C-alpha atoms as a PDB file:
ATOM      1  CA  MET A   1     111.109  96.543 108.677  1.00  0.00           C
ATOM      2  CA  VAL A   2     110.558  96.639 104.924  1.00  0.00           C
ATOM      3  CA  ARG A   3     109.111  93.696 103.011  1.00  0.00           C
ATOM      4  CA  CYS A   4     109.255  92.996  99.297  1.00  0.00           C
ATOM      5  CA  THR A   5     105.903  93.565  97.627  1.00  0.00           C
ATOM      6  CA  ARG A   6     106.532  91.161  94.735  1.00  0.00           C
ATOM      7  CA  ASP A   7     104.210  88.147  94.677  1.00  0.00           C
ATOM      8  CA  GLY A   8     105.858  85.064  96.119  1.00  0.00           C
ATOM      9  CA  CYS A   9     108.901  86.911  97.487  1.00  0.00           C
ATOM     10  CA  GLY A  10     109.478  86.604 101.200  1.00  0.00           C
ATOM     11  CA  TRP A  11     112.389  89.036 101.489  1.00  0.00           C
ATOM     12  CA  GLU A  12     112.449  91.289 104.585  1.00  0.00           C
ATOM     13  CA  SER A  13     114.979  93.883 105.633  1.00  0.00           C
ATOM     14  CA  ILE A  14     117.107  93.589 108.737  1.00  0.00           C
ATOM     15  CA  ALA A  15     118.370  97.089 109.382  1.00  0.00           C
ATOM     16  CA  PRO A  16     118.999  99.539 112.244  1.00  0.00           C
ATOM     17  CA  SER A  17     116.927 102.352 110.653  1.00  0.00           C
ATOM     18  CA  GLU A  18     114.206 103.034 108.088  1.00  0.00           C
ATOM     19  CA  SER A  19     116.680 104.617 105.668  1.00  0.00           C
ATOM     20  CA  ALA A  20     118.983 101.590 105.939  1.00  0.00           C
ATOM     21  CA  ALA A  21     116.001  99.284 105.361  1.00  0.00           C
ATOM     22  CA  GLN A  22     114.998 101.246 102.251  1.00  0.00           C
ATOM     23  CA  ALA A  23     118.558 101.025 100.917  1.00  0.00           C
ATOM     24  CA  GLN A  24     118.539  97.257 101.466  1.00  0.00           C
ATOM     25  CA  TYR A  25     115.173  97.025  99.701  1.00  0.00           C
ATOM     26  CA  ALA A  26     116.446  98.982  96.704  1.00  0.00           C
ATOM     27  CA  ASP A  27     119.459  96.678  96.478  1.00  0.00           C
ATOM     28  CA  HIS A  28     117.184  93.625  96.756  1.00  0.00           C
ATOM     29  CA  LEU A  29     114.919  94.874  93.954  1.00  0.00           C
ATOM     30  CA  VAL A  30     117.840  95.461  91.615  1.00  0.00           C
ATOM     31  CA  THR A  31     119.569  92.194  92.493  1.00  0.00           C
ATOM     32  CA  GLU A  32     116.551  89.878  92.499  1.00  0.00           C
ATOM     33  CA  HIS A  33     113.811  91.485  90.407  1.00  0.00           C
ATOM     34  CA  ALA A  34     115.490  93.643  87.787  1.00  0.00           C
ATOM     35  CA  ARG A  35     117.166  92.823  84.518  1.00  0.00           C
ATOM     36  CA  ARG A  36     119.303  94.759  82.112  1.00  0.00           C
ATOM     37  CA  VAL A  37     117.832  95.449  78.688  1.00  0.00           C
ATOM     38  CA  ASP A  38     119.085  97.121  75.553  1.00  0.00           C
ATOM     39  CA  ALA A  39     116.842 100.192  75.353  1.00  0.00           C
ATOM     40  CA  ASP A  40     117.239 103.812  74.378  1.00  0.00           C
ATOM     41  CA  ILE A  41     116.377 105.537  77.659  1.00  0.00           C
ATOM     42  CA  PRO A  42     117.364 109.206  78.119  1.00  0.00           C
ATOM     43  CA  GLU A  43     119.942 110.061  80.781  1.00  0.00           C
ATOM     44  CA  GLY A  44     118.354 110.432  84.216  1.00  0.00           C
ATOM     45  CA  MET A  45     115.242 108.480  83.264  1.00  0.00           C
ATOM     46  CA  VAL A  46     114.042 104.986  84.186  1.00  0.00           C
ATOM     47  CA  GLN A  47     111.431 102.652  82.754  1.00  0.00           C
ATOM     48  CA  VAL A  48     108.815 100.987  84.938  1.00  0.00           C
ATOM     49  CA  ARG A  49     105.756  98.800  84.508  1.00  0.00           C
ATOM     50  CA  LEU A  50     103.317  97.147  86.875  1.00  0.00           C
ATOM     51  CA  ASP A  51     102.947  93.681  85.370  1.00  0.00           C
ATOM     52  CA  GLU A  52     104.487  91.549  82.622  1.00  0.00           C
ATOM     53  CA  GLY A  53     101.759  92.502  80.138  1.00  0.00           C
ATOM     54  CA  ASP A  54     101.851  96.254  80.828  1.00  0.00           C
ATOM     55  CA  GLU A  55     103.587  98.800  78.642  1.00  0.00           C
ATOM     56  CA  TRP A  56     106.856 100.305  79.866  1.00  0.00           C
ATOM     57  CA  ARG A  57     106.625 103.917  81.065  1.00  0.00           C
ATOM     58  CA  THR A  58     109.635 106.238  80.852  1.00  0.00           C
ATOM     59  CA  MET A  59     109.895 108.730  83.723  1.00  0.00           C
ATOM     60  CA  THR A  60     112.282 110.394  86.129  1.00  0.00           C
ATOM     61  CA  VAL A  61     113.368 108.591  89.288  1.00  0.00           C
ATOM     62  CA  GLU A  62     111.201 110.987  91.316  1.00  0.00           C
ATOM     63  CA  GLN A  63     108.158 110.209  89.145  1.00  0.00           C
ATOM     64  CA  ALA A  64     108.873 106.480  89.445  1.00  0.00           C
ATOM     65  CA  THR A  65     109.047 106.787  93.225  1.00  0.00           C
ATOM     66  CA  ALA A  66     105.689 108.606  93.317  1.00  0.00           C
ATOM     67  CA  PHE A  67     104.233 106.034  90.893  1.00  0.00           C
ATOM     68  CA  HIS A  68     105.423 103.171  93.131  1.00  0.00           C
ATOM     69  CA  GLU A  69     104.003 104.811  96.255  1.00  0.00           C
ATOM     70  CA  ALA A  70     100.648 105.439  94.517  1.00  0.00           C
ATOM     71  CA  VAL A  71     100.401 101.803  93.469  1.00  0.00           C
ATOM     72  CA  HIS A  72     101.807 100.085  96.565  1.00  0.00           C
ATOM     73  CA  GLY A  73     100.957 102.576  99.296  1.00  0.00           C
ATOM     74  CA  ASP A  74     102.314 101.506 102.671  1.00  0.00           C
ATOM     75  CA  ASP A  75     103.025  97.881 101.656  1.00  0.00           C
END
């Protein structure tokens, strides 16, 4: 089972496998916690930040995944 790590969010996956749970979690994050902005981001890159007051960081998806895992660990 995968749970959302956002404060105040009680979302949990219901899936037959870990990979299916991760896919549900990714969809949940995009649907519920992401927003579209008008920014000049290079192809293949994403922008992430930890909190509302933090600066946006531009990185590859792989770097963003490692960044997320370093911050959230096994949450």
